[in-house]
C-alpha atoms as a PDB file:
ATOM      1  CA  MET A   1     -34.016  33.384   8.293  1.00  0.00           C
ATOM      2  CA  LEU A   2     -36.168  34.714  11.137  1.00  0.00           C
ATOM      3  CA  VAL A   3     -36.684  38.447  10.707  1.00  0.00           C
ATOM      4  CA  ASN A   4     -33.636  39.769   8.856  1.00  0.00           C
ATOM      5  CA  LEU A   5     -35.373  41.207   5.823  1.00  0.00           C
ATOM      6  CA  PRO A   6     -33.562  41.530   2.477  1.00  0.00           C
ATOM      7  CA  GLU A   7     -33.625  44.843   0.637  1.00  0.00           C
ATOM      8  CA  ARG A   8     -35.629  43.236  -2.137  1.00  0.00           C
ATOM      9  CA  PRO A   9     -38.166  40.417  -1.846  1.00  0.00           C
ATOM     10  CA  PRO A  10     -36.795  37.028  -2.884  1.00  0.00           C
ATOM     11  CA  SER A  11     -38.406  35.317  -5.845  1.00  0.00           C
ATOM     12  CA  LEU A  12     -41.475  33.179  -5.336  1.00  0.00           C
ATOM     13  CA  SER A  13     -39.563  30.044  -6.316  1.00  0.00           C
ATOM     14  CA  GLU A  14     -36.800  30.790  -3.783  1.00  0.00           C
ATOM     15  CA  SER A  15     -39.368  31.478  -1.080  1.00  0.00           C
ATOM     16  CA  VAL A  16     -41.314  28.305  -1.759  1.00  0.00           C
ATOM     17  CA  ALA A  17     -38.106  26.253  -1.732  1.00  0.00           C
ATOM     18  CA  LEU A  18     -37.276  27.606   1.739  1.00  0.00           C
ATOM     19  CA  CYS A  19     -40.749  26.747   3.031  1.00  0.00           C
ATOM     20  CA  GLU A  20     -40.546  23.221   1.672  1.00  0.00           C
ATOM     21  CA  LYS A  21     -37.134  22.764   3.298  1.00  0.00           C
ATOM     22  CA  LEU A  22     -38.492  23.924   6.666  1.00  0.00           C
ATOM     23  CA  ALA A  23     -41.405  21.509   6.452  1.00  0.00           C
ATOM     24  CA  ARG A  24     -39.191  18.637   5.340  1.00  0.00           C
ATOM     25  CA  THR A  25     -36.472  19.013   7.970  1.00  0.00           C
ATOM     26  CA  HIS A  26     -38.318  20.153  11.081  1.00  0.00           C
ATOM     27  CA  TYR A  27     -41.312  17.908  11.596  1.00  0.00           C
ATOM     28  CA  GLU A  28     -41.355  14.301  10.435  1.00  0.00           C
ATOM     29  CA  ASN A  29     -45.036  13.685  11.235  1.00  0.00           C
ATOM     30  CA  PHE A  30     -46.012  16.766   9.270  1.00  0.00           C
ATOM     31  CA  THR A  31     -43.994  15.589   6.282  1.00  0.00           C
ATOM     32  CA  VAL A  32     -45.636  12.160   6.327  1.00  0.00           C
ATOM     33  CA  ALA A  33     -49.097  13.715   6.575  1.00  0.00           C
ATOM     34  CA  SER A  34     -48.434  16.078   3.685  1.00  0.00           C
ATOM     35  CA  ARG A  35     -47.485  13.149   1.449  1.00  0.00           C
ATOM     36  CA  LEU A  36     -50.976  11.787   1.952  1.00  0.00           C
ATOM     37  CA  LEU A  37     -52.431  14.901   0.354  1.00  0.00           C
ATOM     38  CA  PRO A  38     -52.904  15.671  -3.352  1.00  0.00           C
ATOM     39  CA  ARG A  39     -49.601  16.732  -4.905  1.00  0.00           C
ATOM     40  CA  ARG A  40     -50.922  20.154  -5.929  1.00  0.00           C
ATOM     41  CA  MET A  41     -51.748  20.926  -2.283  1.00  0.00           C
ATOM     42  CA  ARG A  42     -48.490  19.875  -0.670  1.00  0.00           C
ATOM     43  CA  VAL A  43     -46.625  23.076  -1.428  1.00  0.00           C
ATOM     44  CA  HIS A  44     -49.356  25.182   0.192  1.00  0.00           C
ATOM     45  CA  VAL A  45     -49.425  22.968   3.268  1.00  0.00           C
ATOM     46  CA  SER A  46     -45.640  23.374   3.497  1.00  0.00           C
ATOM     47  CA  VAL A  47     -46.041  27.148   3.299  1.00  0.00           C
ATOM     48  CA  LEU A  48     -48.537  27.108   6.176  1.00  0.00           C
ATOM     49  CA  TYR A  49     -46.170  24.997   8.225  1.00  0.00           C
ATOM     50  CA  ALA A  50     -43.255  27.330   7.457  1.00  0.00           C
ATOM     51  CA  PHE A  51     -45.262  30.282   8.764  1.00  0.00           C
ATOM     52  CA  CYS A  52     -46.071  28.435  12.000  1.00  0.00           C
ATOM     53  CA  ARG A  53     -42.480  27.259  12.403  1.00  0.00           C
ATOM     54  CA  THR A  54     -41.027  30.722  11.796  1.00  0.00           C
ATOM     55  CA  VAL A  55     -43.366  32.411  14.274  1.00  0.00           C
ATOM     56  CA  ASP A  56     -42.494  29.822  16.927  1.00  0.00           C
ATOM     57  CA  ASP A  57     -38.774  30.197  16.250  1.00  0.00           C
ATOM     58  CA  ILE A  58     -39.019  33.960  16.693  1.00  0.00           C
ATOM     59  CA  GLY A  59     -40.916  33.528  19.944  1.00  0.00           C
ATOM     60  CA  ASP A  60     -38.612  30.819  21.322  1.00  0.00           C
ATOM     61  CA  GLU A  61     -35.153  31.321  19.837  1.00  0.00           C
ATOM     62  CA  ALA A  62     -34.612  34.763  18.320  1.00  0.00           C
ATOM     63  CA  SER A  63     -31.989  37.005  19.903  1.00  0.00           C
ATOM     64  CA  GLY A  64     -32.901  40.550  20.820  1.00  0.00           C
ATOM     65  CA  ASP A  65     -36.333  41.961  21.642  1.00  0.00           C
ATOM     66  CA  ARG A  66     -38.639  39.173  20.524  1.00  0.00           C
ATOM     67  CA  SER A  67     -41.780  41.285  20.923  1.00  0.00           C
ATOM     68  CA  THR A  68     -40.348  43.822  18.487  1.00  0.00           C
ATOM     69  CA  LEU A  69     -39.354  41.057  16.090  1.00  0.00           C
ATOM     70  CA  LEU A  70     -42.858  39.566  16.253  1.00  0.00           C
ATOM     71  CA  ALA A  71     -44.292  43.005  15.478  1.00  0.00           C
ATOM     72  CA  ARG A  72     -42.009  43.237  12.441  1.00  0.00           C
ATOM     73  CA  PHE A  73     -43.146  39.821  11.258  1.00  0.00           C
ATOM     74  CA  GLU A  74     -46.763  40.833  11.793  1.00  0.00           C
ATOM     75  CA  SER A  75     -46.196  43.877   9.569  1.00  0.00           C
ATOM     76  CA  GLU A  76     -44.961  41.502   6.886  1.00  0.00           C
ATOM     77  CA  LEU A  77     -48.166  39.481   7.330  1.00  0.00           C
ATOM     78  CA  HIS A  78     -50.302  42.590   6.869  1.00  0.00           C
ATOM     79  CA  ALA A  79     -48.406  43.357   3.668  1.00  0.00           C
ATOM     80  CA  ALA A  80     -49.007  39.824   2.407  1.00  0.00           C
ATOM     81  CA  CYS A  81     -52.725  40.036   3.164  1.00  0.00           C
ATOM     82  CA  SER A  82     -53.241  43.481   1.650  1.00  0.00           C
ATOM     83  CA  LYS A  83     -51.561  42.849  -1.717  1.00  0.00           C
ATOM     84  CA  GLY A  84     -48.473  44.680  -0.534  1.00  0.00           C
ATOM     85  CA  MET A  85     -44.882  43.594  -1.024  1.00  0.00           C
ATOM     86  CA  PRO A  86     -43.574  41.494   1.900  1.00  0.00           C
ATOM     87  CA  ARG A  87     -39.840  40.866   1.939  1.00  0.00           C
ATOM     88  CA  HIS A  88     -39.631  37.859   4.259  1.00  0.00           C
ATOM     89  CA  PRO A  89     -39.465  34.721   2.091  1.00  0.00           C
ATOM     90  CA  VAL A  90     -42.083  32.867   4.138  1.00  0.00           C
ATOM     91  CA  LEU A  91     -44.528  35.743   3.655  1.00  0.00           C
ATOM     92  CA  VAL A  92     -43.679  36.005  -0.034  1.00  0.00           C
ATOM     93  CA  ALA A  93     -44.691  32.357  -0.449  1.00  0.00           C
ATOM     94  CA  LEU A  94     -47.659  32.709   1.889  1.00  0.00           C
ATOM     95  CA  GLN A  95     -49.058  35.666  -0.040  1.00  0.00           C
ATOM     96  CA  ARG A  96     -49.737  33.460  -3.065  1.00  0.00           C
ATOM     97  CA  THR A  97     -51.447  30.827  -0.901  1.00  0.00           C
ATOM     98  CA  ILE A  98     -53.581  33.461   0.857  1.00  0.00           C
ATOM     99  CA  VAL A  99     -54.782  34.846  -2.467  1.00  0.00           C
ATOM    100  CA  MET A 100     -55.370  31.473  -4.123  1.00  0.00           C
ATOM    101  CA  PHE A 101     -57.430  30.053  -1.271  1.00  0.00           C
ATOM    102  CA  ASP A 102     -58.876  33.238   0.246  1.00  0.00           C
ATOM    103  CA  LEU A 103     -57.361  32.461   3.643  1.00  0.00           C
ATOM    104  CA  PRO A 104     -58.502  34.693   6.524  1.00  0.00           C
ATOM    105  CA  LYS A 105     -55.937  36.830   8.319  1.00  0.00           C
ATOM    106  CA  ASP A 106     -57.221  36.292  11.861  1.00  0.00           C
ATOM    107  CA  PRO A 107     -55.784  32.773  12.400  1.00  0.00           C
ATOM    108  CA  PHE A 108     -52.322  34.005  11.407  1.00  0.00           C
ATOM    109  CA  LEU A 109     -52.632  36.923  13.818  1.00  0.00           C
ATOM    110  CA  ARG A 110     -53.645  34.555  16.595  1.00  0.00           C
ATOM    111  CA  LEU A 111     -50.526  32.452  16.039  1.00  0.00           C
ATOM    112  CA  ILE A 112     -48.405  35.564  16.410  1.00  0.00           C
ATOM    113  CA  GLU A 113     -50.388  36.532  19.512  1.00  0.00           C
ATOM    114  CA  ALA A 114     -49.614  33.148  21.100  1.00  0.00           C
ATOM    115  CA  ASN A 115     -45.917  33.906  20.825  1.00  0.00           C
ATOM    116  CA  ARG A 116     -46.480  37.351  22.311  1.00  0.00           C
ATOM    117  CA  ILE A 117     -48.146  35.637  25.260  1.00  0.00           C
ATOM    118  CA  ASP A 118     -45.032  33.480  25.651  1.00  0.00           C
ATOM    119  CA  GLN A 119     -42.925  36.626  26.077  1.00  0.00           C
ATOM    120  CA  GLN A 120     -45.119  37.853  28.923  1.00  0.00           C
ATOM    121  CA  LYS A 121     -46.603  34.806  30.618  1.00  0.00           C
ATOM    122  CA  THR A 122     -44.774  31.787  32.023  1.00  0.00           C
ATOM    123  CA  ARG A 123     -47.427  30.477  34.431  1.00  0.00           C
ATOM    124  CA  TYR A 124     -51.144  29.694  34.093  1.00  0.00           C
ATOM    125  CA  GLN A 125     -53.432  29.989  37.086  1.00  0.00           C
ATOM    126  CA  THR A 126     -56.408  28.113  35.640  1.00  0.00           C
ATOM    127  CA  PHE A 127     -57.146  25.587  32.926  1.00  0.00           C
ATOM    128  CA  ALA A 128     -59.354  28.210  31.272  1.00  0.00           C
ATOM    129  CA  GLU A 129     -56.269  30.418  30.853  1.00  0.00           C
ATOM    130  CA  LEU A 130     -54.448  27.507  29.254  1.00  0.00           C
ATOM    131  CA  LEU A 131     -57.338  26.911  26.848  1.00  0.00           C
ATOM    132  CA  HIS A 132     -57.180  30.593  25.888  1.00  0.00           C
ATOM    133  CA  TYR A 133     -53.534  30.071  24.997  1.00  0.00           C
ATOM    134  CA  CYS A 134     -54.341  26.923  22.974  1.00  0.00           C
ATOM    135  CA  ASP A 135     -56.936  28.937  21.078  1.00  0.00           C
ATOM    136  CA  ARG A 136     -54.040  31.080  19.859  1.00  0.00           C
ATOM    137  CA  SER A 137     -51.167  28.606  19.663  1.00  0.00           C
ATOM    138  CA  ALA A 138     -52.885  25.544  18.162  1.00  0.00           C
ATOM    139  CA  ASN A 139     -56.488  25.983  17.030  1.00  0.00           C
ATOM    140  CA  PRO A 140     -55.715  28.444  14.201  1.00  0.00           C
ATOM    141  CA  VAL A 141     -53.651  25.753  12.465  1.00  0.00           C
ATOM    142  CA  GLY A 142     -56.589  23.390  12.197  1.00  0.00           C
ATOM    143  CA  ARG A 143     -58.879  26.127  10.940  1.00  0.00           C
ATOM    144  CA  LEU A 144     -56.410  27.224   8.277  1.00  0.00           C
ATOM    145  CA  PHE A 145     -55.948  23.629   7.208  1.00  0.00           C
ATOM    146  CA  LEU A 146     -59.705  23.223   6.745  1.00  0.00           C
ATOM    147  CA  VAL A 147     -60.084  26.473   4.805  1.00  0.00           C
ATOM    148  CA  LEU A 148     -57.193  25.465   2.578  1.00  0.00           C
ATOM    149  CA  PHE A 149     -59.285  22.456   1.559  1.00  0.00           C
ATOM    150  CA  ASP A 150     -62.441  24.561   1.174  1.00  0.00           C
ATOM    151  CA  TYR A 151     -64.143  23.670   4.458  1.00  0.00           C
ATOM    152  CA  ARG A 152     -65.594  26.773   6.108  1.00  0.00           C
ATOM    153  CA  ASP A 153     -68.298  25.314   8.339  1.00  0.00           C
ATOM    154  CA  GLU A 154     -68.263  26.546  11.951  1.00  0.00           C
ATOM    155  CA  GLU A 155     -69.183  23.092  13.246  1.00  0.00           C
ATOM    156  CA  LEU A 156     -66.119  21.617  11.563  1.00  0.00           C
ATOM    157  CA  PHE A 157     -63.983  24.415  12.986  1.00  0.00           C
ATOM    158  CA  THR A 158     -65.196  23.454  16.470  1.00  0.00           C
ATOM    159  CA  LEU A 159     -64.228  19.810  15.906  1.00  0.00           C
ATOM    160  CA  ALA A 160     -60.816  20.874  14.623  1.00  0.00           C
ATOM    161  CA  ASP A 161     -60.364  23.108  17.671  1.00  0.00           C
ATOM    162  CA  ALA A 162     -60.898  20.116  19.956  1.00  0.00           C
ATOM    163  CA  THR A 163     -58.264  18.075  18.113  1.00  0.00           C
ATOM    164  CA  CYS A 164     -55.718  20.889  17.976  1.00  0.00           C
ATOM    165  CA  THR A 165     -56.214  21.734  21.646  1.00  0.00           C
ATOM    166  CA  ALA A 166     -55.703  18.055  22.518  1.00  0.00           C
ATOM    167  CA  LEU A 167     -52.478  17.932  20.498  1.00  0.00           C
ATOM    168  CA  GLN A 168     -51.168  21.044  22.210  1.00  0.00           C
ATOM    169  CA  LEU A 169     -52.020  19.671  25.651  1.00  0.00           C
ATOM    170  CA  VAL A 170     -50.276  16.373  24.871  1.00  0.00           C
ATOM    171  CA  ASN A 171     -47.165  18.337  23.967  1.00  0.00           C
ATOM    172  CA  PHE A 172     -47.325  20.164  27.299  1.00  0.00           C
ATOM    173  CA  TRP A 173     -47.616  16.952  29.347  1.00  0.00           C
ATOM    174  CA  GLN A 174     -44.893  15.319  27.259  1.00  0.00           C
ATOM    175  CA  ASP A 175     -42.495  18.208  27.891  1.00  0.00           C
ATOM    176  CA  VAL A 176     -43.174  19.195  31.506  1.00  0.00           C
ATOM    177  CA  ARG A 177     -39.544  18.998  32.549  1.00  0.00           C
ATOM    178  CA  ARG A 178     -38.158  20.529  29.355  1.00  0.00           C
ATOM    179  CA  ASP A 179     -40.554  23.486  29.604  1.00  0.00           C
ATOM    180  CA  CYS A 180     -39.779  23.923  33.296  1.00  0.00           C
ATOM    181  CA  GLU A 181     -36.061  24.105  32.532  1.00  0.00           C
ATOM    182  CA  ALA A 182     -36.869  26.811  29.972  1.00  0.00           C
ATOM    183  CA  GLY A 183     -38.739  28.761  32.657  1.00  0.00           C
ATOM    184  CA  ARG A 184     -42.285  27.925  31.529  1.00  0.00           C
ATOM    185  CA  ILE A 185     -44.924  25.873  33.312  1.00  0.00           C
ATOM    186  CA  TYR A 186     -48.125  24.987  31.489  1.00  0.00           C
ATOM    187  CA  LEU A 187     -49.637  22.849  34.232  1.00  0.00           C
ATOM    188  CA  PRO A 188     -52.397  25.073  35.700  1.00  0.00           C
ATOM    189  CA  ARG A 189     -51.465  26.328  39.141  1.00  0.00           C
ATOM    190  CA  GLU A 190     -54.930  25.527  40.505  1.00  0.00           C
ATOM    191  CA  ASP A 191     -54.417  21.869  39.562  1.00  0.00           C
ATOM    192  CA  MET A 192     -50.909  21.794  40.992  1.00  0.00           C
ATOM    193  CA  GLU A 193     -52.236  23.132  44.267  1.00  0.00           C
ATOM    194  CA  HIS A 194     -55.069  20.611  44.301  1.00  0.00           C
ATOM    195  CA  PHE A 195     -52.629  17.705  43.878  1.00  0.00           C
ATOM    196  CA  ARG A 196     -50.041  19.357  46.157  1.00  0.00           C
ATOM    197  CA  VAL A 197     -47.373  19.531  43.455  1.00  0.00           C
ATOM    198  CA  SER A 198     -44.776  22.297  43.718  1.00  0.00           C
ATOM    199  CA  GLU A 199     -42.682  23.854  40.981  1.00  0.00           C
ATOM    200  CA  ARG A 200     -39.637  22.201  42.531  1.00  0.00           C
ATOM    201  CA  ASP A 201     -41.291  18.812  41.960  1.00  0.00           C
ATOM    202  CA  LEU A 202     -41.265  19.475  38.213  1.00  0.00           C
ATOM    203  CA  SER A 203     -37.463  19.557  38.132  1.00  0.00           C
ATOM    204  CA  ALA A 204     -37.031  16.199  39.875  1.00  0.00           C
ATOM    205  CA  ASP A 205     -35.342  13.269  38.155  1.00  0.00           C
ATOM    206  CA  LYS A 206     -38.308  11.079  39.001  1.00  0.00           C
ATOM    207  CA  ALA A 207     -41.970  11.906  39.416  1.00  0.00           C
ATOM    208  CA  SER A 208     -43.597  11.815  42.837  1.00  0.00           C
ATOM    209  CA  GLU A 209     -46.898  10.016  43.356  1.00  0.00           C
ATOM    210  CA  ARG A 210     -48.564  13.424  43.591  1.00  0.00           C
ATOM    211  CA  PHE A 211     -47.160  14.442  40.216  1.00  0.00           C
ATOM    212  CA  LYS A 212     -48.308  11.155  38.673  1.00  0.00           C
ATOM    213  CA  ALA A 213     -51.834  11.756  39.977  1.00  0.00           C
ATOM    214  CA  LEU A 214     -51.781  15.265  38.519  1.00  0.00           C
ATOM    215  CA  LEU A 215     -50.615  14.051  35.125  1.00  0.00           C
ATOM    216  CA  ARG A 216     -53.173  11.229  35.120  1.00  0.00           C
ATOM    217  CA  PHE A 217     -55.867  13.863  35.624  1.00  0.00           C
ATOM    218  CA  GLN A 218     -54.518  15.979  32.758  1.00  0.00           C
ATOM    219  CA  ALA A 219     -54.167  12.962  30.439  1.00  0.00           C
ATOM    220  CA  GLU A 220     -57.777  11.904  31.018  1.00  0.00           C
ATOM    221  CA  ARG A 221     -58.940  15.450  30.411  1.00  0.00           C
ATOM    222  CA  THR A 222     -56.917  15.605  27.189  1.00  0.00           C
ATOM    223  CA  ARG A 223     -58.301  12.302  25.943  1.00  0.00           C
ATOM    224  CA  GLY A 224     -61.750  13.859  26.183  1.00  0.00           C
ATOM    225  CA  TYR A 225     -60.717  16.583  23.736  1.00  0.00           C
ATOM    226  CA  PHE A 226     -59.463  13.969  21.296  1.00  0.00           C
ATOM    227  CA  ASP A 227     -62.793  12.155  21.592  1.00  0.00           C
ATOM    228  CA  ASP A 228     -64.644  15.393  20.912  1.00  0.00           C
ATOM    229  CA  GLY A 229     -62.614  16.010  17.744  1.00  0.00           C
ATOM    230  CA  LEU A 230     -62.642  12.514  16.208  1.00  0.00           C
ATOM    231  CA  PRO A 231     -66.032  13.009  14.444  1.00  0.00           C
ATOM    232  CA  LEU A 232     -64.159  15.367  12.116  1.00  0.00           C
ATOM    233  CA  LEU A 233     -62.746  12.289  10.355  1.00  0.00           C
ATOM    234  CA  ASP A 234     -66.248  11.440   9.156  1.00  0.00           C
ATOM    235  CA  ARG A 235     -66.925  14.952   7.946  1.00  0.00           C
ATOM    236  CA  VAL A 236     -64.048  15.591   5.554  1.00  0.00           C
ATOM    237  CA  ARG A 237     -63.293  13.879   2.282  1.00  0.00           C
ATOM    238  CA  GLY A 238     -60.552  11.665   0.921  1.00  0.00           C
ATOM    239  CA  ARG A 239     -56.919  11.940   1.908  1.00  0.00           C
ATOM    240  CA  LEU A 240     -57.499  14.896   4.192  1.00  0.00           C
ATOM    241  CA  SER A 241     -59.330  12.580   6.578  1.00  0.00           C
ATOM    242  CA  VAL A 242     -56.328  10.245   6.668  1.00  0.00           C
ATOM    243  CA  ALA A 243     -53.942  13.121   7.340  1.00  0.00           C
ATOM    244  CA  ILE A 244     -56.064  14.359  10.230  1.00  0.00           C
ATOM    245  CA  ALA A 245     -56.362  10.804  11.570  1.00  0.00           C
ATOM    246  CA  LEU A 246     -52.570  10.520  11.514  1.00  0.00           C
ATOM    247  CA  PHE A 247     -52.215  13.479  13.862  1.00  0.00           C
ATOM    248  CA  SER A 248     -55.104  12.418  16.100  1.00  0.00           C
ATOM    249  CA  TYR A 249     -53.926   8.824  16.477  1.00  0.00           C
ATOM    250  CA  GLY A 250     -50.372  10.023  17.007  1.00  0.00           C
ATOM    251  CA  GLY A 251     -51.461  12.248  19.875  1.00  0.00           C
ATOM    252  CA  LEU A 252     -53.517   9.451  21.416  1.00  0.00           C
ATOM    253  CA  ALA A 253     -50.521   7.140  21.112  1.00  0.00           C
ATOM    254  CA  ILE A 254     -48.409   9.590  23.092  1.00  0.00           C
ATOM    255  CA  LEU A 255     -51.111   9.653  25.773  1.00  0.00           C
ATOM    256  CA  ASP A 256     -50.958   5.856  25.865  1.00  0.00           C
ATOM    257  CA  LYS A 257     -47.176   6.068  26.262  1.00  0.00           C
ATOM    258  CA  ILE A 258     -47.564   8.541  29.125  1.00  0.00           C
ATOM    259  CA  GLU A 259     -49.908   6.081  30.817  1.00  0.00           C
ATOM    260  CA  LYS A 260     -47.492   3.185  30.284  1.00  0.00           C
ATOM    261  CA  THR A 261     -44.720   5.158  32.012  1.00  0.00           C
ATOM    262  CA  GLY A 262     -46.966   5.420  35.046  1.00  0.00           C
ATOM    263  CA  PHE A 263     -47.464   9.126  34.251  1.00  0.00           C
ATOM    264  CA  ASP A 264     -43.807   9.863  34.943  1.00  0.00           C
ATOM    265  CA  THR A 265     -42.705  12.148  32.095  1.00  0.00           C
ATOM    266  CA  LEU A 266     -39.946  13.636  34.244  1.00  0.00           C
ATOM    267  CA  ALA A 267     -37.699  10.577  34.128  1.00  0.00           C
ATOM    268  CA  LEU A 268     -38.238   9.903  30.432  1.00  0.00           C
ATOM    269  CA  ARG A 269     -39.890  11.969  27.714  1.00  0.00           C
ATOM    270  CA  PRO A 270     -42.353   9.673  25.893  1.00  0.00           C
ATOM    271  CA  THR A 271     -41.849   9.498  22.128  1.00  0.00           C
ATOM    272  CA  LEU A 272     -42.940   7.210  19.308  1.00  0.00           C
ATOM    273  CA  SER A 273     -40.551   4.850  17.556  1.00  0.00           C
ATOM    274  CA  LYS A 274     -40.415   4.583  13.781  1.00  0.00           C
ATOM    275  CA  ARG A 275     -42.279   1.264  13.949  1.00  0.00           C
ATOM    276  CA  GLU A 276     -44.995   2.800  16.118  1.00  0.00           C
ATOM    277  CA  LYS A 277     -45.389   5.675  13.687  1.00  0.00           C
ATOM    278  CA  GLN A 278     -45.752   3.219  10.820  1.00  0.00           C
ATOM    279  CA  ALA A 279     -48.450   1.377  12.747  1.00  0.00           C
ATOM    280  CA  ILE A 280     -50.300   4.648  13.340  1.00  0.00           C
ATOM    281  CA  PHE A 281     -50.122   5.425   9.633  1.00  0.00           C
ATOM    282  CA  LEU A 282     -51.643   2.054   8.785  1.00  0.00           C
ATOM    283  CA  SER A 283     -54.352   2.580  11.396  1.00  0.00           C
ATOM    284  CA  ALA A 284     -55.221   5.932   9.868  1.00  0.00           C
ATOM    285  CA  VAL A 285     -55.503   4.434   6.398  1.00  0.00           C
ATOM    286  CA  ALA A 286     -57.584   1.527   7.713  1.00  0.00           C
ATOM    287  CA  ALA A 287     -59.905   3.915   9.546  1.00  0.00           C
ATOM    288  CA  LYS A 288     -60.559   5.822   6.346  1.00  0.00           C
ATOM    289  CA  ARG A 289     -61.356   2.582   4.507  1.00  0.00           C
ATOM    290  CA  CYS A 290     -63.871   1.675   7.207  1.00  0.00           C
ATOM    291  CA  ILE A 291     -65.545   5.054   6.806  1.00  0.00           C
ATOM    292  CA  LYS A 292     -65.799   4.540   3.022  1.00  0.00           C
ATOM    293  CA  GLN A 293     -67.296   1.058   3.396  1.00  0.00           C
ATOM    294  CA  ARG A 294     -69.787   2.251   5.980  1.00  0.00           C
ATOM    295  CA  ASP A 295     -70.930   5.060   3.713  1.00  0.00           C
ATOM    296  CA  LEU A 296     -71.539   2.751   0.724  1.00  0.00           C
END
């Protein structure tokens, strides 16, 4: 269900079940990370994911006027945040989580705004413009995750922003051709011009040397954001640190894969095998153990 609202709100149990199904079937890495968390928190993490997934689906897949549909979903969010009576099942479930953990409304609004941007903007002139988009499309997720676990320190938010921005950028470089076929280009135009890469080059079956140089530049820049965010692992407690490490190491592993392809993500989209994901999981657990031993 995207935005077809029932006459009466579904029950909380029905709404939560839908959110858990979305989290379980749409994003394997997210599901693995959530299993690392305390059992009582998993349902709320699933609800947050379901909100993000639903907003993205409206912005990317819904038929009809997507801007109008996003506005309707935003109205449901306002109802959930103001002790009203939302009818969308994701917002019914989210309302309980918002109240229980005193979640701010602004990050949710920013996620909706990111999808509004997608309806209006398909090219980015500068990297600063792209960072502005990441501040709407990715960074709110990290901030909500921290607040959910009772971290409200601005310094930690900044570290989470760096990690979430890095993850979003990795996704862009991983999906250059796929996004181009969908009519969107996230490579900044100023960088494309500097490396003499045209939009036609992005649809090629094989990357040119100019494209490879451009992607090498973007990968190195993205690695810097990961480096900036890694101190967050030392600043949060217990299993949350492992969950965050899982995402960070997964993103870095994709960057490594991009490098191993010679920065040609046009011929083959780099992904992680099941064995590689298991190795990343073990690395995340080992990293947390090292932090514990160091702090003793």
